[in-house]
Amino acid sequence: MTAPAGKNVLLFTRPARVEDAVPFAAQLRPEDRAEFAGTADPVEALAEGISESLWCYVAEDDGGYVACWGVRPASTLLGGDGYVWCATTPRVVLHKRAFLLASRAWVAAMQALFVTLAGWCAEDYVVSQRWLNRWLGFELGAVERLGPSGVPYMLFWWRRPD
């Protein structure tokens, strides 16, 4: 039995598996689907992100996937640069508070491991930019056009203070 939307819905996390890519991609939030569409097939991008990440997790509730995120080394395994990524489904709105609090904890764990964290966010994904900048403390950079169709993406980054 599924709980009513937003009422006592249990959220749990587990390590992501490459097999999660297809069903997760089918449930993507429209904004996340659009973000993937600019540069890659969502299934391929998720499978690659899951398989190449140093660690990667999914959050689920009794109704399906909520989020998938990870960090992969961009240079050396320890003390170097980490590439951060996250994708969500519409179910994330049922877990706003839990998602926000957990995202800070996960980013803190990433910051302990890497000197620099960086990633890309679609220029028109304003909600994601606010979350990255105002909530997680990432800097937002200049817009660059990526992929074969030249879709505008914004670089975001964090660097450990000296």
Protein backbone atom coordinates (compact mmCIF):
# COMPACT_ATOMS: atom_id res chain seq x y z
CA MET A 1 0.00 0.00 0.00
CA THR A 2 1.31 3.46 -0.89
CA ALA A 3 1.02 6.35 1.56
CA PRO A 4 -0.74 9.51 0.35
CA ALA A 5 1.59 12.03 -1.27
CA GLY A 6 3.72 13.71 1.36
CA LYS A 7 2.25 11.69 4.26
CA ASN A 8 4.63 9.38 6.11
CA VAL A 9 6.48 8.34 2.97
CA LEU A 10 9.64 6.48 3.95
CA LEU A 11 12.78 7.64 2.16
CA PHE A 12 15.83 5.40 2.06
CA THR A 13 19.17 5.41 0.30
CA ARG A 14 21.34 2.62 -1.03
CA PRO A 15 24.35 2.30 -3.32
CA ALA A 16 23.31 2.78 -6.95
CA ARG A 17 23.75 -0.01 -9.49
CA VAL A 18 24.14 0.33 -13.26
CA GLU A 19 20.82 -1.54 -13.53
CA ASP A 20 19.14 1.51 -11.94
CA ALA A 21 19.91 3.66 -15.02
CA VAL A 22 16.99 2.55 -17.21
CA PRO A 23 14.18 2.70 -14.62
CA PHE A 24 15.58 5.91 -13.08
CA ALA A 25 15.77 7.60 -16.50
CA ALA A 26 12.12 6.69 -17.11
CA GLN A 27 11.16 8.59 -13.95
CA LEU A 28 13.34 11.71 -14.44
CA ARG A 29 12.00 15.12 -13.52
CA PRO A 30 11.28 17.11 -16.74
CA GLU A 31 14.00 19.66 -15.87
CA ASP A 32 16.56 16.90 -15.40
CA ARG A 33 15.50 15.17 -18.61
CA ALA A 34 15.97 18.47 -20.47
CA GLU A 35 19.38 18.94 -18.86
CA PHE A 36 20.52 15.50 -20.07
CA ALA A 37 19.02 16.01 -23.52
CA GLY A 38 21.46 18.81 -24.27
CA THR A 39 24.52 16.59 -24.18
CA ALA A 40 23.73 12.91 -23.69
CA ASP A 41 21.16 10.14 -23.62
CA PRO A 42 19.86 10.01 -20.02
CA VAL A 43 20.23 6.23 -19.71
CA GLU A 44 23.80 6.28 -21.03
CA ALA A 45 24.75 9.28 -18.88
CA LEU A 46 23.29 7.71 -15.72
CA ALA A 47 24.94 4.35 -16.40
CA GLU A 48 28.28 6.07 -16.98
CA GLY A 49 27.88 8.25 -13.89
CA ILE A 50 27.00 5.25 -11.72
CA SER A 51 29.82 3.06 -13.03
CA GLU A 52 32.53 5.74 -12.96
CA SER A 53 31.69 7.34 -9.62
CA LEU A 54 33.86 6.77 -6.60
CA TRP A 55 30.57 6.46 -4.78
CA CYS A 56 27.04 6.83 -6.00
CA TYR A 57 23.67 6.48 -4.28
CA VAL A 58 19.97 6.46 -5.06
CA ALA A 59 17.21 7.64 -2.78
CA GLU A 60 13.88 5.84 -3.06
CA ASP A 61 10.52 5.81 -1.38
CA ASP A 62 7.70 3.30 -1.67
CA GLY A 63 6.59 4.98 -4.90
CA GLY A 64 9.84 4.93 -6.80
CA TYR A 65 13.09 6.76 -7.28
CA VAL A 66 13.65 10.21 -5.75
CA ALA A 67 17.27 11.10 -6.56
CA CYS A 68 20.55 9.66 -7.78
CA TRP A 69 23.90 11.35 -7.14
CA GLY A 70 27.59 10.70 -7.12
CA VAL A 71 31.10 12.01 -7.39
CA ARG A 72 33.76 10.75 -9.71
CA PRO A 73 37.44 11.57 -9.73
CA ALA A 74 38.35 14.14 -12.34
CA SER A 75 42.11 13.79 -11.78
CA THR A 76 43.77 11.87 -8.94
CA LEU A 77 41.75 9.56 -6.74
CA LEU A 78 42.50 11.35 -3.47
CA GLY A 79 43.17 15.01 -2.93
CA GLY A 80 42.34 16.00 -6.48
CA ASP A 81 39.27 17.15 -8.31
CA GLY A 82 35.85 15.60 -8.09
CA TYR A 83 33.08 15.81 -10.66
CA VAL A 84 29.74 16.08 -8.84
CA TRP A 85 26.42 15.12 -10.37
CA CYS A 86 22.81 14.66 -9.29
CA ALA A 87 19.55 13.79 -11.02
CA THR A 88 16.06 13.85 -9.53
CA THR A 89 12.54 12.64 -10.22
CA PRO A 90 9.27 14.49 -9.50
CA ARG A 91 9.11 12.59 -6.19
CA VAL A 92 11.87 14.82 -4.80
CA VAL A 93 9.22 17.45 -3.95
CA LEU A 94 7.69 14.99 -1.46
CA HIS A 95 11.01 14.97 0.39
CA LYS A 96 12.23 18.58 0.09
CA ARG A 97 13.50 18.93 3.64
CA ALA A 98 15.15 15.50 3.75
CA PHE A 99 16.73 16.07 0.33
CA LEU A 100 18.09 19.49 1.30
CA LEU A 101 19.55 18.28 4.59
CA ALA A 102 21.00 15.10 3.09
CA SER A 103 22.53 16.99 0.17
CA ARG A 104 24.53 19.16 2.57
CA ALA A 105 25.81 16.08 4.37
CA TRP A 106 26.80 14.34 1.13
CA VAL A 107 28.56 17.43 -0.21
CA ALA A 108 30.45 17.77 3.10
CA ALA A 109 31.64 14.16 2.68
CA MET A 110 32.76 14.97 -0.88
CA GLN A 111 34.54 18.11 0.32
CA ALA A 112 36.51 16.05 2.83
CA LEU A 113 37.78 13.84 0.03
CA PHE A 114 38.45 16.31 -2.80
CA VAL A 115 40.25 19.64 -3.01
CA THR A 116 37.94 20.88 -5.75
CA LEU A 117 34.40 19.85 -6.69
CA ALA A 118 32.83 20.91 -9.97
CA GLY A 119 30.03 20.09 -12.36
CA TRP A 120 27.66 21.50 -14.96
CA CYS A 121 24.11 22.79 -14.62
CA ALA A 122 21.80 23.76 -17.49
CA GLU A 123 21.65 27.54 -17.82
CA ASP A 124 17.85 27.56 -17.59
CA TYR A 125 17.62 25.20 -14.57
CA VAL A 126 17.28 28.06 -12.07
CA VAL A 127 15.98 25.91 -9.18
CA SER A 128 19.10 23.75 -9.42
CA GLN A 129 21.37 26.80 -9.57
CA ARG A 130 19.79 28.23 -6.41
CA TRP A 131 20.20 24.90 -4.62
CA LEU A 132 23.84 24.63 -5.69
CA ASN A 133 24.75 28.21 -4.83
CA ARG A 134 22.56 29.27 -1.92
CA TRP A 135 22.13 25.95 -0.15
CA LEU A 136 25.32 24.03 -0.94
CA GLY A 137 27.75 26.95 -1.32
CA PHE A 138 29.00 26.28 -4.82
CA GLU A 139 30.19 29.19 -6.95
CA LEU A 140 28.46 29.63 -10.31
CA GLY A 141 30.58 30.43 -13.33
CA ALA A 142 30.27 31.54 -16.88
CA VAL A 143 27.97 29.88 -19.35
CA GLU A 144 29.54 27.60 -21.94
CA ARG A 145 27.88 25.86 -24.85
CA LEU A 146 28.34 22.09 -24.70
CA GLY A 147 27.39 19.09 -26.77
CA PRO A 148 26.73 18.80 -30.47
CA SER A 149 23.83 21.26 -30.34
CA GLY A 150 25.69 23.85 -28.24
CA VAL A 151 23.29 23.84 -25.28
CA PRO A 152 24.21 26.47 -22.67
CA TYR A 153 25.47 25.06 -19.35
CA MET A 154 26.84 26.84 -16.31
CA LEU A 155 29.92 25.59 -14.50
CA PHE A 156 29.60 25.29 -10.72
CA TRP A 157 32.52 24.67 -8.37
CA TRP A 158 33.84 24.66 -4.83
CA ARG A 159 37.47 24.77 -3.76
CA ARG A 160 38.81 23.91 -0.32
CA PRO A 161 40.29 27.03 1.32
CA ASP A 162 44.07 26.96 1.69
